[in-house]
N, C-alpha and C. Protein backbone atom coordinates (compact mmCIF):
# COMPACT_ATOMS: atom_id res chain seq x y z
N UNK A 1 -11.78 -4.72 2.25
CA UNK A 1 -10.67 -3.80 2.25
C UNK A 1 -9.38 -4.61 2.26
N UNK A 2 -8.45 -4.23 1.42
CA UNK A 2 -7.12 -4.83 1.37
C UNK A 2 -6.14 -3.90 2.05
N UNK A 3 -5.40 -4.43 2.99
CA UNK A 3 -4.35 -3.68 3.67
C UNK A 3 -3.02 -4.32 3.31
N UNK A 4 -2.08 -3.50 2.85
CA UNK A 4 -0.78 -4.02 2.45
C UNK A 4 0.32 -3.09 2.93
N UNK A 5 1.50 -3.66 3.14
CA UNK A 5 2.67 -2.83 3.39
C UNK A 5 3.76 -3.23 2.41
N UNK A 6 4.50 -2.22 1.98
CA UNK A 6 5.54 -2.40 0.99
C UNK A 6 6.83 -1.78 1.48
N UNK A 7 7.94 -2.32 1.01
CA UNK A 7 9.22 -1.64 1.13
C UNK A 7 9.60 -1.22 -0.28
N UNK A 8 9.85 0.07 -0.44
CA UNK A 8 10.19 0.62 -1.75
C UNK A 8 11.63 1.11 -1.70
N UNK A 9 12.44 0.62 -2.61
CA UNK A 9 13.85 1.00 -2.70
C UNK A 9 13.97 2.07 -3.78
N UNK A 10 14.43 3.26 -3.37
CA UNK A 10 14.46 4.43 -4.25
C UNK A 10 15.87 4.98 -4.33
N UNK A 11 16.24 5.50 -5.48
CA UNK A 11 17.51 6.22 -5.57
C UNK A 11 17.44 7.40 -4.61
N UNK A 12 18.45 7.58 -3.76
CA UNK A 12 18.38 8.66 -2.76
C UNK A 12 18.09 10.04 -3.35
N UNK A 13 18.61 10.32 -4.52
CA UNK A 13 18.38 11.64 -5.14
C UNK A 13 16.93 11.80 -5.62
N UNK A 14 16.17 10.72 -5.71
CA UNK A 14 14.77 10.75 -6.15
C UNK A 14 13.78 10.62 -5.00
N UNK A 15 14.28 10.52 -3.79
CA UNK A 15 13.44 10.23 -2.63
C UNK A 15 12.29 11.23 -2.48
N UNK A 16 12.59 12.53 -2.52
CA UNK A 16 11.55 13.54 -2.32
C UNK A 16 10.49 13.50 -3.41
N UNK A 17 10.90 13.33 -4.66
CA UNK A 17 9.91 13.34 -5.75
C UNK A 17 9.04 12.08 -5.72
N UNK A 18 9.63 10.94 -5.36
CA UNK A 18 8.86 9.70 -5.27
C UNK A 18 7.83 9.82 -4.14
N UNK A 19 8.26 10.30 -2.99
CA UNK A 19 7.34 10.47 -1.87
C UNK A 19 6.21 11.43 -2.23
N UNK A 20 6.53 12.53 -2.89
CA UNK A 20 5.50 13.51 -3.26
C UNK A 20 4.49 12.91 -4.23
N UNK A 21 4.95 12.13 -5.18
CA UNK A 21 4.03 11.53 -6.15
C UNK A 21 3.08 10.55 -5.46
N UNK A 22 3.64 9.69 -4.61
CA UNK A 22 2.80 8.70 -3.93
C UNK A 22 1.84 9.35 -2.93
N UNK A 23 2.23 10.45 -2.33
CA UNK A 23 1.38 11.13 -1.35
C UNK A 23 0.09 11.65 -1.98
N UNK A 24 0.10 11.86 -3.28
CA UNK A 24 -1.09 12.36 -3.98
C UNK A 24 -2.10 11.27 -4.31
N UNK A 25 -1.73 10.03 -4.12
CA UNK A 25 -2.62 8.91 -4.46
C UNK A 25 -3.48 8.51 -3.27
N UNK A 26 -4.78 8.36 -3.47
CA UNK A 26 -5.64 7.92 -2.36
C UNK A 26 -5.28 6.51 -1.91
N UNK A 27 -5.28 6.31 -0.60
CA UNK A 27 -5.02 5.00 -0.04
C UNK A 27 -3.56 4.65 0.11
N UNK A 28 -2.66 5.55 -0.27
CA UNK A 28 -1.22 5.31 -0.19
C UNK A 28 -0.63 6.24 0.85
N UNK A 29 0.15 5.68 1.78
CA UNK A 29 0.76 6.50 2.81
C UNK A 29 2.19 6.02 3.07
N UNK A 30 3.13 6.97 3.05
CA UNK A 30 4.51 6.66 3.40
C UNK A 30 4.61 6.73 4.92
N UNK A 31 4.92 5.61 5.52
CA UNK A 31 5.00 5.52 6.99
C UNK A 31 6.37 5.87 7.52
N UNK A 32 7.42 5.57 6.75
CA UNK A 32 8.79 5.84 7.19
C UNK A 32 9.70 5.93 5.97
N UNK A 33 10.79 6.67 6.14
CA UNK A 33 11.77 6.76 5.06
C UNK A 33 13.16 6.89 5.66
N UNK A 34 14.16 6.53 4.87
CA UNK A 34 15.55 6.70 5.29
C UNK A 34 16.28 7.49 4.22
N UNK A 35 17.33 8.22 4.61
CA UNK A 35 18.10 8.98 3.62
C UNK A 35 18.74 8.09 2.56
N UNK A 36 18.90 6.80 2.86
CA UNK A 36 19.50 5.87 1.90
C UNK A 36 18.52 5.46 0.81
N UNK A 37 17.23 5.83 0.94
CA UNK A 37 16.26 5.55 -0.11
C UNK A 37 15.30 4.42 0.17
N UNK A 38 15.15 4.03 1.40
CA UNK A 38 14.16 3.00 1.74
C UNK A 38 12.89 3.67 2.24
N UNK A 39 11.75 3.23 1.72
CA UNK A 39 10.45 3.72 2.16
C UNK A 39 9.61 2.56 2.65
N UNK A 40 8.88 2.79 3.72
CA UNK A 40 7.86 1.85 4.17
C UNK A 40 6.53 2.49 3.83
N UNK A 41 5.75 1.80 3.00
CA UNK A 41 4.51 2.35 2.45
C UNK A 41 3.36 1.43 2.79
N UNK A 42 2.23 2.01 3.17
CA UNK A 42 1.02 1.22 3.38
C UNK A 42 0.00 1.57 2.31
N UNK A 43 -0.78 0.55 1.94
CA UNK A 43 -1.85 0.71 0.95
C UNK A 43 -3.16 0.26 1.58
N UNK A 44 -4.21 1.01 1.33
CA UNK A 44 -5.57 0.59 1.66
C UNK A 44 -6.36 0.67 0.37
N UNK A 45 -6.81 -0.48 -0.11
CA UNK A 45 -7.56 -0.54 -1.36
C UNK A 45 -8.82 -1.36 -1.16
N UNK A 46 -9.69 -1.31 -2.17
CA UNK A 46 -10.95 -2.05 -2.07
C UNK A 46 -10.93 -3.39 -2.79
N UNK A 47 -9.80 -3.73 -3.43
CA UNK A 47 -9.73 -5.01 -4.13
C UNK A 47 -8.27 -5.42 -4.37
N UNK A 48 -8.09 -6.70 -4.66
CA UNK A 48 -6.75 -7.18 -5.01
C UNK A 48 -6.27 -6.51 -6.29
N UNK A 49 -7.19 -6.28 -7.21
CA UNK A 49 -6.84 -5.63 -8.48
C UNK A 49 -6.28 -4.24 -8.22
N UNK A 50 -6.94 -3.46 -7.36
CA UNK A 50 -6.48 -2.11 -7.05
C UNK A 50 -5.11 -2.15 -6.38
N UNK A 51 -4.89 -3.10 -5.50
CA UNK A 51 -3.58 -3.25 -4.85
C UNK A 51 -2.51 -3.51 -5.89
N UNK A 52 -2.78 -4.41 -6.82
CA UNK A 52 -1.83 -4.73 -7.87
C UNK A 52 -1.55 -3.53 -8.76
N UNK A 53 -2.58 -2.76 -9.08
CA UNK A 53 -2.41 -1.57 -9.91
C UNK A 53 -1.50 -0.55 -9.23
N UNK A 54 -1.73 -0.29 -7.96
CA UNK A 54 -0.90 0.68 -7.25
C UNK A 54 0.53 0.17 -7.13
N UNK A 55 0.69 -1.11 -6.84
CA UNK A 55 2.02 -1.72 -6.78
C UNK A 55 2.76 -1.47 -8.11
N UNK A 56 2.08 -1.70 -9.21
CA UNK A 56 2.69 -1.49 -10.53
C UNK A 56 3.00 -0.02 -10.79
N UNK A 57 2.09 0.86 -10.37
CA UNK A 57 2.32 2.31 -10.54
C UNK A 57 3.55 2.77 -9.76
N UNK A 58 3.69 2.28 -8.53
CA UNK A 58 4.86 2.64 -7.72
C UNK A 58 6.12 2.15 -8.41
N UNK A 59 6.11 0.93 -8.88
CA UNK A 59 7.27 0.35 -9.55
C UNK A 59 7.67 1.13 -10.80
N UNK A 60 6.73 1.81 -11.42
CA UNK A 60 6.99 2.55 -12.66
C UNK A 60 7.47 3.99 -12.42
N UNK A 61 7.46 4.47 -11.19
CA UNK A 61 7.90 5.83 -10.91
C UNK A 61 9.40 5.94 -11.17
N UNK A 62 9.79 7.01 -11.85
CA UNK A 62 11.20 7.25 -12.11
C UNK A 62 11.95 7.38 -10.78
N UNK A 63 13.00 6.61 -10.62
CA UNK A 63 13.79 6.63 -9.40
C UNK A 63 13.54 5.44 -8.50
N UNK A 64 12.44 4.71 -8.73
CA UNK A 64 12.16 3.51 -7.94
C UNK A 64 12.94 2.35 -8.54
N UNK A 65 13.71 1.68 -7.68
CA UNK A 65 14.52 0.55 -8.15
C UNK A 65 13.85 -0.79 -7.88
N UNK A 66 13.09 -0.89 -6.77
CA UNK A 66 12.44 -2.16 -6.44
C UNK A 66 11.29 -1.90 -5.47
N UNK A 67 10.28 -2.78 -5.55
CA UNK A 67 9.15 -2.73 -4.64
C UNK A 67 8.92 -4.16 -4.14
N UNK A 68 8.80 -4.30 -2.83
CA UNK A 68 8.56 -5.63 -2.25
C UNK A 68 7.36 -5.56 -1.31
N UNK A 69 6.40 -6.45 -1.53
CA UNK A 69 5.27 -6.53 -0.61
C UNK A 69 5.71 -7.32 0.61
N UNK A 70 5.48 -6.73 1.78
CA UNK A 70 5.89 -7.35 3.02
C UNK A 70 4.69 -7.97 3.73
N UNK A 71 3.52 -7.38 3.55
CA UNK A 71 2.34 -7.82 4.29
C UNK A 71 1.11 -7.54 3.45
N UNK A 72 0.14 -8.45 3.51
CA UNK A 72 -1.14 -8.23 2.85
C UNK A 72 -2.22 -8.91 3.67
N UNK A 73 -3.31 -8.20 3.87
CA UNK A 73 -4.42 -8.76 4.62
C UNK A 73 -5.72 -8.23 4.04
N UNK A 74 -6.69 -9.12 3.94
CA UNK A 74 -8.03 -8.73 3.51
C UNK A 74 -8.91 -8.64 4.74
N UNK A 75 -9.61 -7.53 4.87
CA UNK A 75 -10.57 -7.36 5.96
C UNK A 75 -11.91 -6.93 5.36
N UNK A 76 -12.98 -7.57 5.78
CA UNK A 76 -14.29 -7.14 5.27
C UNK A 76 -14.64 -5.75 5.81
N UNK A 77 -15.35 -5.00 5.00
CA UNK A 77 -15.85 -3.70 5.43
C UNK A 77 -16.91 -3.93 6.49
N UNK A 78 -16.85 -3.24 7.63
CA UNK A 78 -17.82 -3.49 8.71
C UNK A 78 -19.27 -3.37 8.26
N UNK A 79 -19.57 -2.38 7.41
CA UNK A 79 -20.97 -2.21 6.99
C UNK A 79 -21.42 -3.27 5.99
N UNK A 80 -20.47 -4.05 5.47
CA UNK A 80 -20.82 -5.11 4.53
C UNK A 80 -20.83 -6.49 5.18
N UNK A 81 -20.44 -6.57 6.43
CA UNK A 81 -20.42 -7.86 7.10
C UNK A 81 -21.85 -8.34 7.33
N UNK A 82 -22.04 -9.62 7.20
CA UNK A 82 -23.35 -10.22 7.45
C UNK A 82 -23.29 -10.89 8.81
N UNK A 83 -24.17 -10.49 9.67
CA UNK A 83 -24.24 -11.10 10.99
C UNK A 83 -25.24 -12.22 10.97
N UNK A 84 -24.89 -13.33 11.55
CA UNK A 84 -25.76 -14.50 11.59
C UNK A 84 -26.21 -14.70 13.02
N UNK A 85 -27.50 -14.91 13.18
CA UNK A 85 -28.03 -15.24 14.49
C UNK A 85 -27.73 -16.69 14.79
N UNK A 86 -27.33 -16.95 16.00
CA UNK A 86 -27.09 -18.33 16.42
C UNK A 86 -28.30 -18.81 17.18
N UNK A 87 -28.89 -19.87 16.69
CA UNK A 87 -30.04 -20.45 17.34
C UNK A 87 -29.57 -21.36 18.46
N UNK A 88 -29.88 -20.98 19.69
CA UNK A 88 -29.38 -21.71 20.86
C UNK A 88 -30.27 -22.89 21.22
N UNK A 89 -31.31 -23.16 20.43
CA UNK A 89 -32.21 -24.25 20.80
C UNK A 89 -31.73 -25.57 20.31
């Protein structure tokens, strides 16, 4: 699982439409917004490719002026983790 946070700079008059469009996408959540057009957005995706695709989609929304990735972390899915026994002998 890829976890990312973005700051999205939006024209203030486009803020509502940009938020509504992103809210419809799975794995995308607007965490905070300001009337001046700044959004803090989190992404949860299953691959780096998917993260890049969503980043590009956000950047292409009418009214978006800039997108900056602030944080990115890869975490293994718990059900996919392999546990290793430690031999204490």
